[in-house]
């Protein structure tokens, strides 16, 4: 005759499978840790020179200023037409 599975037997099977999964994950993690870690170096901002720090202004590139003036001029021309 077949015996019906009891709650205790199901609990034992689930516990055993859980233990196997735990062991598999830990063994896989340990095997992947043998590879060397890649170290990344984060660039740090350098301190501003005394000249720019004294003036309190951030230097702006000439090209961005010219581009902004050109954009404003185009808007004014579009509004005038």
PDB file of N, CA and C in Angstrom:
ATOM      1  N   UNK A   1       0.819  -1.183   0.000  1.00  0.00           N
ATOM      2  CA  UNK A   1       0.000   0.000   0.000  1.00  0.00           C
ATOM      3  C   UNK A   1       0.869   1.254   0.000  1.00  0.00           C
ATOM      4  N   UNK A   2       0.315   2.256  -0.616  1.00  0.00           N
ATOM      5  CA  UNK A   2       1.021   3.530  -0.629  1.00  0.00           C
ATOM      6  C   UNK A   2       0.727   4.269   0.656  1.00  0.00           C
ATOM      7  N   UNK A   3       1.778   4.875   1.162  1.00  0.00           N
ATOM      8  CA  UNK A   3       1.572   5.693   2.351  1.00  0.00           C
ATOM      9  C   UNK A   3       1.422   7.143   1.930  1.00  0.00           C
ATOM     10  N   UNK A   4       0.532   7.843   2.568  1.00  0.00           N
ATOM     11  CA  UNK A   4       0.328   9.269   2.279  1.00  0.00           C
ATOM     12  C   UNK A   4       1.490  10.061   2.879  1.00  0.00           C
ATOM     13  N   UNK A   5       1.938  11.061   2.147  1.00  0.00           N
ATOM     14  CA  UNK A   5       3.031  11.883   2.660  1.00  0.00           C
ATOM     15  C   UNK A   5       2.503  12.774   3.771  1.00  0.00           C
ATOM     16  N   UNK A   6       3.213  12.726   4.833  1.00  0.00           N
ATOM     17  CA  UNK A   6       2.801  13.531   5.970  1.00  0.00           C
ATOM     18  C   UNK A   6       3.478  14.887   5.910  1.00  0.00           C
ATOM     19  N   UNK A   7       3.040  15.769   6.753  1.00  0.00           N
ATOM     20  CA  UNK A   7       3.601  17.115   6.806  1.00  0.00           C
ATOM     21  C   UNK A   7       5.070  17.063   7.205  1.00  0.00           C
ATOM     22  N   UNK A   8       5.427  16.152   8.083  1.00  0.00           N
ATOM     23  CA  UNK A   8       6.820  16.043   8.534  1.00  0.00           C
ATOM     24  C   UNK A   8       7.732  15.603   7.396  1.00  0.00           C
ATOM     25  N   UNK A   9       7.280  14.683   6.564  1.00  0.00           N
ATOM     26  CA  UNK A   9       8.124  14.226   5.469  1.00  0.00           C
ATOM     27  C   UNK A   9       8.288  15.340   4.422  1.00  0.00           C
ATOM     28  N   UNK A  10       7.258  16.097   4.147  1.00  0.00           N
ATOM     29  CA  UNK A  10       7.365  17.224   3.222  1.00  0.00           C
ATOM     30  C   UNK A  10       8.303  18.280   3.788  1.00  0.00           C
ATOM     31  N   UNK A  11       8.232  18.525   5.086  1.00  0.00           N
ATOM     32  CA  UNK A  11       9.115  19.494   5.729  1.00  0.00           C
ATOM     33  C   UNK A  11      10.575  19.053   5.651  1.00  0.00           C
ATOM     34  N   UNK A  12      10.836  17.754   5.803  1.00  0.00           N
ATOM     35  CA  UNK A  12      12.198  17.229   5.703  1.00  0.00           C
ATOM     36  C   UNK A  12      12.719  17.378   4.276  1.00  0.00           C
ATOM     37  N   UNK A  13      11.903  17.089   3.288  1.00  0.00           N
ATOM     38  CA  UNK A  13      12.313  17.207   1.886  1.00  0.00           C
ATOM     39  C   UNK A  13      12.614  18.667   1.539  1.00  0.00           C
ATOM     40  N   UNK A  14      11.757  19.585   1.962  1.00  0.00           N
ATOM     41  CA  UNK A  14      11.964  21.010   1.688  1.00  0.00           C
ATOM     42  C   UNK A  14      13.226  21.504   2.390  1.00  0.00           C
ATOM     43  N   UNK A  15      13.462  21.071   3.614  1.00  0.00           N
ATOM     44  CA  UNK A  15      14.670  21.463   4.343  1.00  0.00           C
ATOM     45  C   UNK A  15      15.920  20.938   3.648  1.00  0.00           C
ATOM     46  N   UNK A  16      15.872  19.712   3.155  1.00  0.00           N
ATOM     47  CA  UNK A  16      17.011  19.131   2.457  1.00  0.00           C
ATOM     48  C   UNK A  16      17.308  19.888   1.158  1.00  0.00           C
ATOM     49  N   UNK A  17      16.278  20.212   0.392  1.00  0.00           N
ATOM     50  CA  UNK A  17      16.464  20.971  -0.841  1.00  0.00           C
ATOM     51  C   UNK A  17      16.988  22.380  -0.557  1.00  0.00           C
ATOM     52  N   UNK A  18      16.520  22.970   0.513  1.00  0.00           N
ATOM     53  CA  UNK A  18      16.995  24.290   0.901  1.00  0.00           C
ATOM     54  C   UNK A  18      18.470  24.246   1.284  1.00  0.00           C
ATOM     55  N   UNK A  19      18.870  23.206   1.987  1.00  0.00           N
ATOM     56  CA  UNK A  19      20.274  23.033   2.361  1.00  0.00           C
ATOM     57  C   UNK A  19      21.152  22.840   1.125  1.00  0.00           C
ATOM     58  N   UNK A  20      20.682  22.055   0.164  1.00  0.00           N
ATOM     59  CA  UNK A  20      21.430  21.865  -1.071  1.00  0.00           C
ATOM     60  C   UNK A  20      21.577  23.178  -1.849  1.00  0.00           C
ATOM     61  N   UNK A  21      20.512  23.958  -1.916  1.00  0.00           N
ATOM     62  CA  UNK A  21      20.574  25.244  -2.612  1.00  0.00           C
ATOM     63  C   UNK A  21      21.539  26.190  -1.907  1.00  0.00           C
ATOM     64  N   UNK A  22      21.518  26.202  -0.595  1.00  0.00           N
ATOM     65  CA  UNK A  22      22.431  27.056   0.180  1.00  0.00           C
ATOM     66  C   UNK A  22      23.879  26.659  -0.084  1.00  0.00           C
ATOM     67  N   UNK A  23      24.153  25.353  -0.098  1.00  0.00           N
ATOM     68  CA  UNK A  23      25.517  24.885  -0.354  1.00  0.00           C
ATOM     69  C   UNK A  23      25.946  25.231  -1.774  1.00  0.00           C
ATOM     70  N   UNK A  24      25.065  25.082  -2.745  1.00  0.00           N
ATOM     71  CA  UNK A  24      25.402  25.392  -4.132  1.00  0.00           C
ATOM     72  C   UNK A  24      25.742  26.867  -4.296  1.00  0.00           C
ATOM     73  N   UNK A  25      24.949  27.738  -3.708  1.00  0.00           N
ATOM     74  CA  UNK A  25      25.197  29.177  -3.829  1.00  0.00           C
ATOM     75  C   UNK A  25      26.519  29.543  -3.178  1.00  0.00           C
ATOM     76  N   UNK A  26      26.814  29.019  -2.010  1.00  0.00           N
ATOM     77  CA  UNK A  26      28.067  29.339  -1.333  1.00  0.00           C
ATOM     78  C   UNK A  26      29.272  28.790  -2.072  1.00  0.00           C
ATOM     79  N   UNK A  27      29.185  27.573  -2.611  1.00  0.00           N
ATOM     80  CA  UNK A  27      30.304  27.017  -3.368  1.00  0.00           C
ATOM     81  C   UNK A  27      30.543  27.801  -4.651  1.00  0.00           C
ATOM     82  N   UNK A  28      29.468  28.226  -5.299  1.00  0.00           N
ATOM     83  CA  UNK A  28      29.603  29.013  -6.519  1.00  0.00           C
ATOM     84  C   UNK A  28      30.212  30.379  -6.209  1.00  0.00           C
ATOM     85  N   UNK A  29      29.812  30.991  -5.121  1.00  0.00           N
ATOM     86  CA  UNK A  29      30.360  32.292  -4.738  1.00  0.00           C
ATOM     87  C   UNK A  29      31.838  32.166  -4.384  1.00  0.00           C
ATOM     88  N   UNK A  30      32.213  31.112  -3.688  1.00  0.00           N
ATOM     89  CA  UNK A  30      33.625  30.920  -3.326  1.00  0.00           C
ATOM     90  C   UNK A  30      34.483  30.668  -4.555  1.00  0.00           C
ATOM     91  N   UNK A  31      33.960  29.960  -5.538  1.00  0.00           N
ATOM     92  CA  UNK A  31      34.755  29.701  -6.736  1.00  0.00           C
ATOM     93  C   UNK A  31      34.912  30.960  -7.581  1.00  0.00           C
ATOM     94  N   UNK A  32      33.922  31.830  -7.565  1.00  0.00           N
ATOM     95  CA  UNK A  32      34.035  33.067  -8.342  1.00  0.00           C
ATOM     96  C   UNK A  32      34.893  34.101  -7.624  1.00  0.00           C
ATOM     97  N   UNK A  33      35.077  33.981  -6.308  1.00  0.00           N
ATOM     98  CA  UNK A  33      35.904  34.927  -5.570  1.00  0.00           C
ATOM     99  C   UNK A  33      37.392  34.680  -5.781  1.00  0.00           C
ATOM    100  N   UNK A  34      37.753  33.564  -6.360  1.00  0.00           N
ATOM    101  CA  UNK A  34      39.160  33.288  -6.603  1.00  0.00           C
ATOM    102  C   UNK A  34      39.735  34.207  -7.665  1.00  0.00           C
ATOM    103  N   UNK A  35      38.866  34.756  -8.503  1.00  0.00           N
ATOM    104  CA  UNK A  35      39.324  35.696  -9.518  1.00  0.00           C
ATOM    105  C   UNK A  35      39.675  37.008  -8.834  1.00  0.00           C
ATOM    106  N   UNK A  36      40.717  37.684  -9.301  1.00  0.00           N
ATOM    107  CA  UNK A  36      41.103  38.935  -8.637  1.00  0.00           C
ATOM    108  C   UNK A  36      40.054  40.019  -8.851  1.00  0.00           C
ATOM    109  N   UNK A  37      39.927  40.847  -7.834  1.00  0.00           N
ATOM    110  CA  UNK A  37      38.993  41.955  -7.916  1.00  0.00           C
ATOM    111  C   UNK A  37      39.546  43.019  -8.835  1.00  0.00           C
ATOM    112  N   UNK A  38      38.680  43.663  -9.547  1.00  0.00           N
ATOM    113  CA  UNK A  38      39.129  44.778 -10.379  1.00  0.00           C
ATOM    114  C   UNK A  38      39.021  46.048  -9.537  1.00  0.00           C
ATOM    115  N   UNK A  39      40.132  46.725  -9.416  1.00  0.00           N
ATOM    116  CA  UNK A  39      40.134  47.950  -8.632  1.00  0.00           C
ATOM    117  C   UNK A  39      39.962  49.125  -9.569  1.00  0.00           C
ATOM    118  N   UNK A  40      39.046  49.964  -9.236  1.00  0.00           N
ATOM    119  CA  UNK A  40      38.832  51.148 -10.052  1.00  0.00           C
ATOM    120  C   UNK A  40      39.276  52.367  -9.258  1.00  0.00           C
ATOM    121  N   UNK A  41      39.984  53.216  -9.929  1.00  0.00           N
ATOM    122  CA  UNK A  41      40.488  54.418  -9.282  1.00  0.00           C
ATOM    123  C   UNK A  41      39.576  55.576  -9.675  1.00  0.00           C
ATOM    124  N   UNK A  42      39.018  56.204  -8.675  1.00  0.00           N
ATOM    125  CA  UNK A  42      38.128  57.331  -8.923  1.00  0.00           C
ATOM    126  C   UNK A  42      38.951  58.608  -9.011  1.00  0.00           C
ATOM    127  N   UNK A  43      38.804  59.361 -10.101  1.00  0.00           N
ATOM    128  CA  UNK A  43      39.557  60.611 -10.191  1.00  0.00           C
ATOM    129  C   UNK A  43      39.015  61.634  -9.194  1.00  0.00           C
ATOM    130  N   UNK A  44      39.928  62.319  -8.547  1.00  0.00           N
ATOM    131  CA  UNK A  44      39.527  63.314  -7.572  1.00  0.00           C
ATOM    132  C   UNK A  44      39.719  64.696  -8.162  1.00  0.00           C
ATOM    133  N   UNK A  45      38.828  65.571  -7.811  1.00  0.00           N
ATOM    134  CA  UNK A  45      38.925  66.934  -8.302  1.00  0.00           C
ATOM    135  C   UNK A  45      40.118  67.626  -7.658  1.00  0.00           C
ATOM    136  N   UNK A  46      40.853  68.341  -8.481  1.00  0.00           N
ATOM    137  CA  UNK A  46      41.979  69.082  -7.955  1.00  0.00           C
ATOM    138  C   UNK A  46      41.478  70.408  -7.393  1.00  0.00           C
ATOM    139  N   UNK A  47      42.231  70.931  -6.457  1.00  0.00           N
ATOM    140  CA  UNK A  47      41.863  72.209  -5.882  1.00  0.00           C
ATOM    141  C   UNK A  47      42.050  73.303  -6.918  1.00  0.00           C
ATOM    142  N   UNK A  48      41.191  74.292  -6.847  1.00  0.00           N
ATOM    143  CA  UNK A  48      41.301  75.395  -7.791  1.00  0.00           C
ATOM    144  C   UNK A  48      42.550  76.204  -7.473  1.00  0.00           C
ATOM    145  N   UNK A  49      43.075  76.797  -8.503  1.00  0.00           N
ATOM    146  CA  UNK A  49      44.252  77.629  -8.286  1.00  0.00           C
ATOM    147  C   UNK A  49      43.860  78.855  -7.461  1.00  0.00           C
ATOM    148  N   UNK A  50      44.832  79.491  -6.874  1.00  0.00           N
ATOM    149  CA  UNK A  50      44.544  80.637  -6.019  1.00  0.00           C
ATOM    150  C   UNK A  50      43.898  81.762  -6.805  1.00  0.00           C
ATOM    151  N   UNK A  51      44.250  81.881  -8.074  1.00  0.00           N
ATOM    152  CA  UNK A  51      43.705  82.952  -8.897  1.00  0.00           C
ATOM    153  C   UNK A  51      42.194  82.812  -9.065  1.00  0.00           C
ATOM    154  N   UNK A  52      41.725  81.602  -9.359  1.00  0.00           N
ATOM    155  CA  UNK A  52      40.289  81.401  -9.538  1.00  0.00           C
ATOM    156  C   UNK A  52      39.577  81.348  -8.198  1.00  0.00           C
ATOM    157  N   UNK A  53      40.238  80.888  -7.152  1.00  0.00           N
ATOM    158  CA  UNK A  53      39.607  80.814  -5.841  1.00  0.00           C
ATOM    159  C   UNK A  53      39.413  82.204  -5.260  1.00  0.00           C
ATOM    160  N   UNK A  54      40.352  83.107  -5.530  1.00  0.00           N
ATOM    161  CA  UNK A  54      40.233  84.458  -4.992  1.00  0.00           C
ATOM    162  C   UNK A  54      39.113  85.231  -5.659  1.00  0.00           C
ATOM    163  N   UNK A  55      38.940  85.044  -6.934  1.00  0.00           N
ATOM    164  CA  UNK A  55      37.930  85.816  -7.640  1.00  0.00           C
ATOM    165  C   UNK A  55      36.527  85.300  -7.334  1.00  0.00           C
ATOM    166  N   UNK A  56      36.405  84.032  -6.938  1.00  0.00           N
ATOM    167  CA  UNK A  56      35.096  83.483  -6.604  1.00  0.00           C
ATOM    168  C   UNK A  56      34.289  83.128  -7.828  1.00  0.00           C
ATOM    169  N   UNK A  57      34.865  83.238  -9.009  1.00  0.00           N
ATOM    170  CA  UNK A  57      34.156  82.928 -10.236  1.00  0.00           C
ATOM    171  C   UNK A  57      34.708  81.646 -10.835  1.00  0.00           C
ATOM    172  N   UNK A  58      33.849  80.934 -11.487  1.00  0.00           N
ATOM    173  CA  UNK A  58      34.259  79.717 -12.172  1.00  0.00           C
ATOM    174  C   UNK A  58      34.619  80.104 -13.597  1.00  0.00           C
ATOM    175  N   UNK A  59      35.784  79.703 -14.077  1.00  0.00           N
ATOM    176  CA  UNK A  59      36.157  80.066 -15.442  1.00  0.00           C
ATOM    177  C   UNK A  59      35.228  79.399 -16.457  1.00  0.00           C
ATOM    178  N   UNK A  60      34.800  80.183 -17.453  1.00  0.00           N
ATOM    179  CA  UNK A  60      33.899  79.697 -18.489  1.00  0.00           C
ATOM    180  C   UNK A  60      34.657  79.684 -19.805  1.00  0.00           C
ATOM    181  N   UNK A  61      34.497  78.626 -20.544  1.00  0.00           N
ATOM    182  CA  UNK A  61      35.189  78.527 -21.825  1.00  0.00           C
ATOM    183  C   UNK A  61      34.648  79.565 -22.793  1.00  0.00           C
ATOM    184  N   UNK A  62      35.536  80.108 -23.637  1.00  0.00           N
ATOM    185  CA  UNK A  62      35.138  81.144 -24.591  1.00  0.00           C
ATOM    186  C   UNK A  62      34.125  80.623 -25.599  1.00  0.00           C
ATOM    187  N   UNK A  63      34.242  79.372 -25.982  1.00  0.00           N
ATOM    188  CA  UNK A  63      33.329  78.819 -26.972  1.00  0.00           C
ATOM    189  C   UNK A  63      31.903  78.765 -26.449  1.00  0.00           C
ATOM    190  N   UNK A  64      31.726  78.443 -25.179  1.00  0.00           N
ATOM    191  CA  UNK A  64      30.364  78.378 -24.647  1.00  0.00           C
ATOM    192  C   UNK A  64      29.755  79.773 -24.558  1.00  0.00           C
ATOM    193  N   UNK A  65      30.573  80.780 -24.249  1.00  0.00           N
ATOM    194  CA  UNK A  65      30.060  82.154 -24.195  1.00  0.00           C
ATOM    195  C   UNK A  65      29.662  82.600 -25.595  1.00  0.00           C
ATOM    196  N   UNK A  66      30.497  82.313 -26.600  1.00  0.00           N
ATOM    197  CA  UNK A  66      30.170  82.686 -27.976  1.00  0.00           C
ATOM    198  C   UNK A  66      28.928  81.954 -28.466  1.00  0.00           C
ATOM    199  N   UNK A  67      28.798  80.689 -28.090  1.00  0.00           N
ATOM    200  CA  UNK A  67      27.615  79.920 -28.472  1.00  0.00           C
ATOM    201  C   UNK A  67      26.356  80.493 -27.860  1.00  0.00           C
ATOM    202  N   UNK A  68      26.445  80.924 -26.611  1.00  0.00           N
ATOM    203  CA  UNK A  68      25.272  81.506 -25.941  1.00  0.00           C
ATOM    204  C   UNK A  68      24.884  82.838 -26.580  1.00  0.00           C
ATOM    205  N   UNK A  69      25.894  83.669 -26.922  1.00  0.00           N
ATOM    206  CA  UNK A  69      25.623  84.952 -27.586  1.00  0.00           C
ATOM    207  C   UNK A  69      24.989  84.694 -28.945  1.00  0.00           C
ATOM    208  N   UNK A  70      25.481  83.700 -29.673  1.00  0.00           N
ATOM    209  CA  UNK A  70      24.925  83.362 -30.979  1.00  0.00           C
ATOM    210  C   UNK A  70      23.465  82.899 -30.843  1.00  0.00           C
ATOM    211  N   UNK A  71      23.167  82.111 -29.831  1.00  0.00           N
ATOM    212  CA  UNK A  71      21.802  81.630 -29.606  1.00  0.00           C
ATOM    213  C   UNK A  71      20.861  82.792 -29.290  1.00  0.00           C
ATOM    214  N   UNK A  72      21.306  83.713 -28.458  1.00  0.00           N
ATOM    215  CA  UNK A  72      20.470  84.878 -28.112  1.00  0.00           C
ATOM    216  C   UNK A  72      20.248  85.741 -29.344  1.00  0.00           C
ATOM    217  N   UNK A  73      21.284  85.928 -30.165  1.00  0.00           N
ATOM    218  CA  UNK A  73      21.139  86.732 -31.376  1.00  0.00           C
ATOM    219  C   UNK A  73      20.141  86.093 -32.335  1.00  0.00           C
ATOM    220  N   UNK A  74      20.168  84.770 -32.457  1.00  0.00           N
ATOM    221  CA  UNK A  74      19.210  84.092 -33.340  1.00  0.00           C
ATOM    222  C   UNK A  74      17.783  84.256 -32.834  1.00  0.00           C
ATOM    223  N   UNK A  75      17.585  84.175 -31.546  1.00  0.00           N
ATOM    224  CA  UNK A  75      16.236  84.359 -30.978  1.00  0.00           C
ATOM    225  C   UNK A  75      15.741  85.780 -31.234  1.00  0.00           C
ATOM    226  N   UNK A  76      16.624  86.756 -31.063  1.00  0.00           N
ATOM    227  CA  UNK A  76      16.218  88.150 -31.292  1.00  0.00           C
ATOM    228  C   UNK A  76      15.883  88.374 -32.764  1.00  0.00           C
ATOM    229  N   UNK A  77      16.652  87.769 -33.683  1.00  0.00           N
ATOM    230  CA  UNK A  77      16.369  87.900 -35.094  1.00  0.00           C
ATOM    231  C   UNK A  77      15.062  87.237 -35.473  1.00  0.00           C
ATOM    232  N   UNK A  78      14.763  86.079 -34.848  1.00  0.00           N
ATOM    233  CA  UNK A  78      13.500  85.393 -35.136  1.00  0.00           C
ATOM    234  C   UNK A  78      12.323  86.222 -34.650  1.00  0.00           C
ATOM    235  N   UNK A  79      12.450  86.880 -33.506  1.00  0.00           N
ATOM    236  CA  UNK A  79      11.367  87.706 -32.979  1.00  0.00           C
ATOM    237  C   UNK A  79      11.190  88.964 -33.811  1.00  0.00           C
ATOM    238  N   UNK A  80      12.295  89.503 -34.358  1.00  0.00           N
ATOM    239  CA  UNK A  80      12.211  90.717 -35.166  1.00  0.00           C
ATOM    240  C   UNK A  80      11.533  90.430 -36.493  1.00  0.00           C
ATOM    241  N   UNK A  81      11.664  89.261 -37.034  1.00  0.00           N
ATOM    242  CA  UNK A  81      11.064  88.941 -38.338  1.00  0.00           C
ATOM    243  C   UNK A  81       9.675  88.512 -38.126  1.00  0.00           C
TER     244      UNK A  81
END
